[in-house]
Amino acid sequence: AGSYWVKIIDGEGCFAYSDTLNITVDNFANEFTLGEDLELCSGNMLAAPSNPDIISWQWNNGAVTPQIPIKESGIYGITVTNTNGCIATDEVEVTIIGIAPETDFSADTVCLGNPTSFTDLSTLAEGNIDQWLWDFGDGNTSNEQNPQHTYSLPGSYMVSLTAIASTTCQKGITKEVIVKAVPVAYFETSTACINVPYQFNDLSTAPEGLEIVAWDWSFGDGNTSTIQNPMHTFSNSGTANIELNITTNNSCSSNFSETIEVVGEFPSPENFSMILPKSGSVISEGEVFIQHNSTQNAIEYLTQVSDNEDFSNIILETNSSANDTSYVNLPIGNYYVRSKAINICMNETYTPVINFIVFSPSSISNLVLWLEADSVQLIDNLVSVWFDKSGNSNNAIQNNLINMPSINNSSLGGRKSVIFNGSSNYLKLFFNQTLSQPISIILLHNYTQNTNRFIIDGVLQDNRFALWNSNNSFLQFTNEGSFGFVKNAPYDFSIITSVFNGNSSKIYNNNINQSSGNNGATQLSALTIGSKYTNLSFFAGEIPELFIFNKEISKQEQDYIHLYLQNKYSPPVNLGADKRIAYGFCPVVLDAGEQFASYLWNTGETTSSITVNTAGTYSVSVTDIFGFVSSDEVEVRFPDIGLNTMDTTLCQGESMELAFSSAFTSDISLLWNTGETSPSITVGQAGEYTLTLTDTLGCSTNLTAQIGIDDFENTATLGEDRPFCMGDTLWLQSPWQPWQLDYLWNDGSTGSGLVINQAGEYSLTATNPNGCSGTDTVSLSFQGYAPEVSFSAPPVCFGLPTSFTDGSTVAQSEIISRSWLFNDPQDPAGGASGSTVSHTYSEPGIFIASLEVSSIAGCSRSLSQAVQVYHLPEPAFGPPNVCANLNTPFSDRSTDLEGGIASWQWTATDTDGSTINTSLLQNPEFSFPNPGTASLKLITTSLVGCSDSISRNINVRYSPEVDFSFTPACLGDMVSFTNLSQAPAWAGIQSTHWNFGDGDTTLLTNPSHLFQEAGIYPVTLTARAINGCQISLSKDVTVNYPPIVAFETPPICAATDYQFIDNTTAPLSEITSWNWNFSGLGSSTEQNPWFSFELPGQYNISLEAKS
């Protein structure tokens, strides 16, 4: 072995070296060995040493494997060859000492988590197998014959079993065992609501290369499902255990369970609001964005757009997300938008409805020119063509590069504008027809240099329409007239509306009328934009948008365009979504934007942004450069944090735990003003305790609690030891009101005071509302007996004196003084002395009168009790006006505060003072016969016996004297009625009303009426005077049937008297007259006349009867 090279030298003495060859010697033949001779059991294996370089094995028994089974004793040799082709040989003598087991086993294939069962299949020709050595391939072993083993990971494991016979002969075997991977079942739940479908979502995962093929859900109420993501409706509230079992395509399963709460009701979503659009906005077509705030308790949001306020026609409904802005494409029109939040029980809360208008200037008639800065043709960012968006192709053009205005891509409101440099820029356009007045021009522009510059003008000297600033006045000019208003240059963006309409021309600045004048009748055929018609006096400023209408636009149209420009170039203020801070204490910046002219926050601040660190609703009102005012508000919520108490009083010697309470405690640091940093501290001293919280952002906030010490045990006292009047009450002296304390006396009583009946020592333990107790003891000696105080004072009616009578007594002594206090509101200190006194109270009510009685022993006692002075009833009645000779009901309106009215006594007096009538009814009727001033008196007596009266003048108004007549009434004939009613001129009849008793009425004064049937009809005439008095009179009108005329005409003899018999009838009446005609030969008015005809023949006999 070694390194070898060759040096080669030529004839000239030059040389060169060959490559180096490293030679190594393979000592394989000397190193390979089968080892020492050995003893084996029949069936054991004889193996060549393991060597990765060996590529072939040749045993002397013909085997060519690395190892061979040994069945009998003998010499076993092997020849091996390695990768270098080197050959080694060796042999070993093997002596058989017994028979080895035929080792074998079986194992099942399981899913991870289940135990794998191993079954020993080993056999032994002679003897018994005594031991089994298992190696499960994962570091675990077993000595059982048929073990079970649970693997912790899926995969393939090489499991070995060595069986050992009683002769110690052994043999091993290794087999592959498979543990199948299992899926992971998982789902999440939130609160569900009864009778509302609840969506379950499977969140399970399958091992790589596998897929889930089956789902088995159990909903805890007896219902199941095999759908991956089922919906289920719970019918009962409470909790339910949800189980999911999944199976993958390798037949392995996994189970997961979770408890779900099912409620019968759930808080409705809190009130919330829209963010965009702003109420009343006029929005450019194609620029509608919708956004709403979030709210508590909501799981879903729906946004609705309608073309009517009651949302009876919803044209758009879409799921929405809180605080996200969505674009909707709406055509021109008036719209209403709202969002609704839905909770788990499908309860809904709507935002207030927002009205907005989608608008385009093209919707206004007679639009002849519309220039907008986003519709231009550019050459090197210079405007060569400003396209007309009205559809009339009235494009403004400039072909010379030096005269082309430029474009500002981010001007007012971040939108484009055309910039005129004030030295050379202008555009010209020629209308495709000559425009006659009225003409309206609306111009949005600013003015950046000095005065005397033309914004627009005509193109010829004799045909000019101009808007320009001359000597700091904005002028509206034509060849025939000019007027304007003061507007100092330079100035910010403003909207000029110029109406050219002869002597009715006018000009507006930001929608405010500034001036009026006469622009004559000049027509408009062409425009110069950016200079005078002579291409001088160049305009310096920007124009984002310009409109021309061939009419005088209405005020509403003008307002729409102004709102359109405002929302487009200076949108209303928008503070964004409500701020809900989930973590931290850093202040929140509320920014209204810097584009407005003025600001006023509800905090009083006037800056464009404010910083807040307390929860609440913040609003701002802003004014933009056009003078338009808008406002917005936003709610700010910080994390809910606090101490377990803010103000607490401890008893002397007590302590308590003062603790921080919050929905979160991690990721914040705590520092008490005591120096401690734990979430809670123990406090026992009075003072202010402050906890400083600092978040990971470095922001801090303080929580403060005021702790007080109650010294009740040192301040509550029964007083010094002293003589005491027996029968008096012993009271505790303390800062608290007696009714605020709990008491326990030494005799077990719990009253606020203790009646002392004998001398001795008395103790009391009292507890105040803070739970603090104090105990004191006092020794009382005999002084005398306290009087037993009593008095009587019967109730009286107001105005009468109350009599007070003392009934007090005292034992073993005598009363020497009595002091009364009446407690009259008009004389609070008023009183008297004596055993019997009286007092007339200044007002009715219940008064606490008191009597203090003193004995000769120096013992006193007082008594306070209620004394009642009854209220008098307050009589009242109506009405004050009546009509003469008409029964008028009078309504009692009396009131009484003592329980009600018991009786009424009425007296009605005529205008001459004489009594007309009296009554004891509550609501009587009286008739006053004579117009004028009468009177009525009412005396009321209450249930407690108190009386009062009232007398009122009664205005008795003149009543019409109603009467009428009518003509006889036969069925089929008109009945004429004559109104005979009368009234003086100063109380004349204003109207009449007839009721004919058959359902027909009339307002005629003297009507005629046709009754449709015979009968008796109550006809009523009502006459109403101008003083309001109304009198009715009814008369019966009988409508008779016409008589039914009949008589007998038997054959008669000539020259013979014959009596004609009348058979006429008259229903509802009787016949009053008869008129017979005997063929002109005679007549009669008798009912049954006699008559004779002298000659034979035929005669006509007629009878007319009247009823």
Foldseek 3Di string as FASTA:
>chain_A
DAKDKDWDADPVRDIDIDDIDGDDDDPPQVPFEQDEAEEAAQFAKRFGDDDVFWDWKAKPVGDIDRIDGHHAWAKIKMWIAGNVRDIYIYIHTYHHDHHAKPWDKDWDAEAAPDKIKIATPIGTPDAAFDWKWKDFQPRDIDTDRIDIGHDNDWDKGWMKIWTAGPVRHIYMDIDIYGHHYAKEWDWDAEAAEAPFKDKTATPIGDPPPKDWDWKWKDWQPPDIDTDRIDIDHHHDFAKGKIKMWIAIPVRHIYMDIDIYGYDHDDDEWDAWAWQPDAAAFAAEQQPGKTAIADTPQFDWKKKWKDQDDVPPDTPDIDTDDHQDIDGDGDDFHKMKMKMWGQHNNRHIDIHPIGIYTHDDLLVDPQWQFKFALVQADDDVQFGAWGAGPNPQRQIWGDDDPQQTWGKDCQDFQGHIWTFWAQFRHKTKTFGPDKFWDFKKKKFKKFAADAAQAWQKWAQDPQFIFTWGGDPQWTWGAGPQDIDTGGHGPGADIWIKMWTQHAQATFIDILLHTGDGGGRHTGIGGMMMGQGYSVSPRGTGIITRMMIMGSYPDDSVSVVSVSSHCCCRRPNAFGQGYAAEAPDDQAWDKGARDDQFDWKQKPVRDIDRIDTDRDWDKIKMWTAGSSRDIHMDIHTYHYFDKAWPAAEAEAEQPDKDKIFIDGPDDPQKWKAKPVGDTDRIDIDDDFDKIKIWIAGPVGDIDIYIHGYHYDDFQVFKEQDEAEADAAQDKGAIDHPDDLVQKWKQKPVGDTHRIDGHHAWAKIKMWIAGPSRYIYIYMYGYHHQYHAKDWDWDWAEEAAPDKIKIATDIDGPPWGWDWKWKQFCAPVCRRDTDIDRMDIDHHPAFDKTWMKMWIATPSGHIDMDTDIYGHAYAKAWDKDDQEEEAPDWDKIATPIDGPPAFWDWKKKWKAAPVRHTDDIDTDRIGIDHHHDADKIKMKMWTAHPVGHIDMDMGIHGHHYAKAWDKDWDAAAAPDKIKIATPIDDDPVFAWDWKKKDFQPRDIDGDRIDIDHDNDFAKGWIKMWTATPVGHIDMDTDIHGHWYWKDWDWDDDDDDAPDKDKIATPIDTPPDGWDWKWKDWQVPDIDTDRTDIDHHHDDDDIDIDMDIDD
